[in-house]
């Protein structure tokens, strides 16, 4: 989901990392399913980095 959103925004991993205040290597790990993420970090990446709102549904 993150990779798709980043590509739709026409951003590189490095550009997204800079906008979201994180590192390119962290974005890469997340996109490849090899990293854990806190909810607050996920929200920051989407809202600050991709200028998108994120919604959650709990079942």
C-alpha atoms as a PDB file:
ATOM      1  CA  UNK A   1       0.000   0.000   0.000  1.00  0.00           C
ATOM      2  CA  UNK A   2       2.802   2.402   0.882  1.00  0.00           C
ATOM      3  CA  UNK A   3       4.739   1.685  -2.306  1.00  0.00           C
ATOM      4  CA  UNK A   4       1.643   2.186  -4.457  1.00  0.00           C
ATOM      5  CA  UNK A   5       0.806   5.479  -2.744  1.00  0.00           C
ATOM      6  CA  UNK A   6       4.398   6.686  -3.101  1.00  0.00           C
ATOM      7  CA  UNK A   7       4.473   5.881  -6.799  1.00  0.00           C
ATOM      8  CA  UNK A   8       1.105   7.580  -7.360  1.00  0.00           C
ATOM      9  CA  UNK A   9       2.576  10.672  -5.693  1.00  0.00           C
ATOM     10  CA  UNK A  10       5.578  10.389  -8.042  1.00  0.00           C
ATOM     11  CA  UNK A  11       8.056  10.401  -5.173  1.00  0.00           C
ATOM     12  CA  UNK A  12      11.244   8.440  -4.721  1.00  0.00           C
ATOM     13  CA  UNK A  13      11.855   6.655  -1.439  1.00  0.00           C
ATOM     14  CA  UNK A  14      14.367   9.340  -0.541  1.00  0.00           C
ATOM     15  CA  UNK A  15      11.943  12.176  -1.288  1.00  0.00           C
ATOM     16  CA  UNK A  16       9.235  10.527   0.796  1.00  0.00           C
ATOM     17  CA  UNK A  17      11.654   9.914   3.653  1.00  0.00           C
ATOM     18  CA  UNK A  18      12.721  13.569   3.638  1.00  0.00           C
ATOM     19  CA  UNK A  19       9.125  14.811   3.674  1.00  0.00           C
ATOM     20  CA  UNK A  20       8.128  12.399   6.455  1.00  0.00           C
ATOM     21  CA  UNK A  21      11.223  12.981   8.585  1.00  0.00           C
ATOM     22  CA  UNK A  22      12.620   9.468   8.340  1.00  0.00           C
ATOM     23  CA  UNK A  23      15.303   7.591   6.399  1.00  0.00           C
ATOM     24  CA  UNK A  24      15.195   6.087   2.919  1.00  0.00           C
ATOM     25  CA  UNK A  25      16.294   2.731   4.309  1.00  0.00           C
ATOM     26  CA  UNK A  26      13.290   2.701   6.665  1.00  0.00           C
ATOM     27  CA  UNK A  27      10.865   3.417   3.785  1.00  0.00           C
ATOM     28  CA  UNK A  28      12.503   0.605   1.805  1.00  0.00           C
ATOM     29  CA  UNK A  29      12.121  -1.863   4.683  1.00  0.00           C
ATOM     30  CA  UNK A  30       8.461  -0.961   5.092  1.00  0.00           C
ATOM     31  CA  UNK A  31       7.744  -1.324   1.387  1.00  0.00           C
ATOM     32  CA  UNK A  32       9.383  -4.745   1.376  1.00  0.00           C
ATOM     33  CA  UNK A  33       7.538  -5.944   4.483  1.00  0.00           C
ATOM     34  CA  UNK A  34      10.722  -6.245   6.525  1.00  0.00           C
ATOM     35  CA  UNK A  35      10.140  -3.547   9.094  1.00  0.00           C
ATOM     36  CA  UNK A  36       7.748  -2.893  11.926  1.00  0.00           C
ATOM     37  CA  UNK A  37       5.965   0.425  12.122  1.00  0.00           C
ATOM     38  CA  UNK A  38       4.226   2.342  14.848  1.00  0.00           C
ATOM     39  CA  UNK A  39       0.811   3.735  14.039  1.00  0.00           C
ATOM     40  CA  UNK A  40       2.008   7.290  14.666  1.00  0.00           C
ATOM     41  CA  UNK A  41       4.834   6.820  12.148  1.00  0.00           C
ATOM     42  CA  UNK A  42       2.463   5.385   9.538  1.00  0.00           C
ATOM     43  CA  UNK A  43       0.163   8.376   9.943  1.00  0.00           C
ATOM     44  CA  UNK A  44       3.106  10.799   9.677  1.00  0.00           C
ATOM     45  CA  UNK A  45       4.369   9.135   6.482  1.00  0.00           C
ATOM     46  CA  UNK A  46       0.965   9.332   4.840  1.00  0.00           C
ATOM     47  CA  UNK A  47      -0.081  12.759   6.087  1.00  0.00           C
ATOM     48  CA  UNK A  48       3.224  14.635   5.915  1.00  0.00           C
ATOM     49  CA  UNK A  49       5.026  12.617   3.279  1.00  0.00           C
ATOM     50  CA  UNK A  50       2.196  11.813   0.886  1.00  0.00           C
ATOM     51  CA  UNK A  51      -0.273  14.560   1.819  1.00  0.00           C
ATOM     52  CA  UNK A  52      -2.998  11.940   2.334  1.00  0.00           C
ATOM     53  CA  UNK A  53      -5.339  11.188   5.175  1.00  0.00           C
ATOM     54  CA  UNK A  54      -5.417   7.690   6.565  1.00  0.00           C
ATOM     55  CA  UNK A  55      -8.465   5.950   7.986  1.00  0.00           C
ATOM     56  CA  UNK A  56      -8.549   2.867  10.184  1.00  0.00           C
ATOM     57  CA  UNK A  57     -11.285   0.311  10.670  1.00  0.00           C
ATOM     58  CA  UNK A  58     -11.294  -2.088  13.588  1.00  0.00           C
ATOM     59  CA  UNK A  59     -13.350  -5.253  13.305  1.00  0.00           C
END
